Amino acid sequence: MQSAKLQDRLYRGLNTAARIVGIDTSAYRPSSPTDPLAPVNRFLRLPAAFTARDGRFDRANAYGQAIWYGVFDAAYTQPGDYLVQERGIWFIAAQQLLAPVLCVQTNRNISIMRQTSPSNTGLNDYGGSNVLPNMPVLANWPASVLGAVGRGRPETDLPTDVPAPYWTVLVPAFAQIMLRSGDFISDDLGRNAVVVTAELTDLGWRITARQTAT
């Protein structure tokens, strides 16, 4: 049997299971770098359920684990789509051939900014430092933000200083948007961080960021 037919039967089976164990879910496909869950981006409603990676629905996902398997008809979805339920928000990380649908549960809304550079070269009329506005890269994107193992020491290195925590951030890739080291992240808790590394993988962006005090 051709792989396309097998894939179609797999999706039909996932749809049958989702109708039994799933709940109503809204699917969103980002159309711009801003507000991917805007009403205009909703394109589908479908039953969906999510399970830990053992796929047996017999236990909750482990602490600190953002990866889930999605049980729904994935014939009309694609990586990067968001799935929204009353109990949580996920994005599709991968829909590989004849493999489970890999999803990432989000827990924060983040925005990413980039400091702009002077467009003119040579001497400027103003001889001091130019404080330039930040350019938005992504705005109000649901993402997985979890604490990472690494911690950095503050530059002042005072006895009372607290080591700066690191984050691991997972967020979908979008169009031609490229993230860079040095970009700034802010979240819906009012926290700020600077991107240390940004790796574009087949599953989306994997970011390591260092939290800042301001």
Foldseek 3Di string as FASTA:
>chain_A
DDLVVVQQVQLVVLQVVLVVPFDKKWKFAADDLEDRPPPVRTDDIGTKDWAQPVPPPPDHHDPPDFKIFMRHRCPPPAFQMWIDDPVFIWGFQHDDRPDTTIIGTFDWWKWKWAFDDDPDDDDDPDDDDDRGDIHTQHYGFGKHKDWDDDWAFDPVNDPPGDTWTKIKIFHADDDPRDDDFQIKMAIPVGWIWTWHDWDQDSRHIITITTTDPD
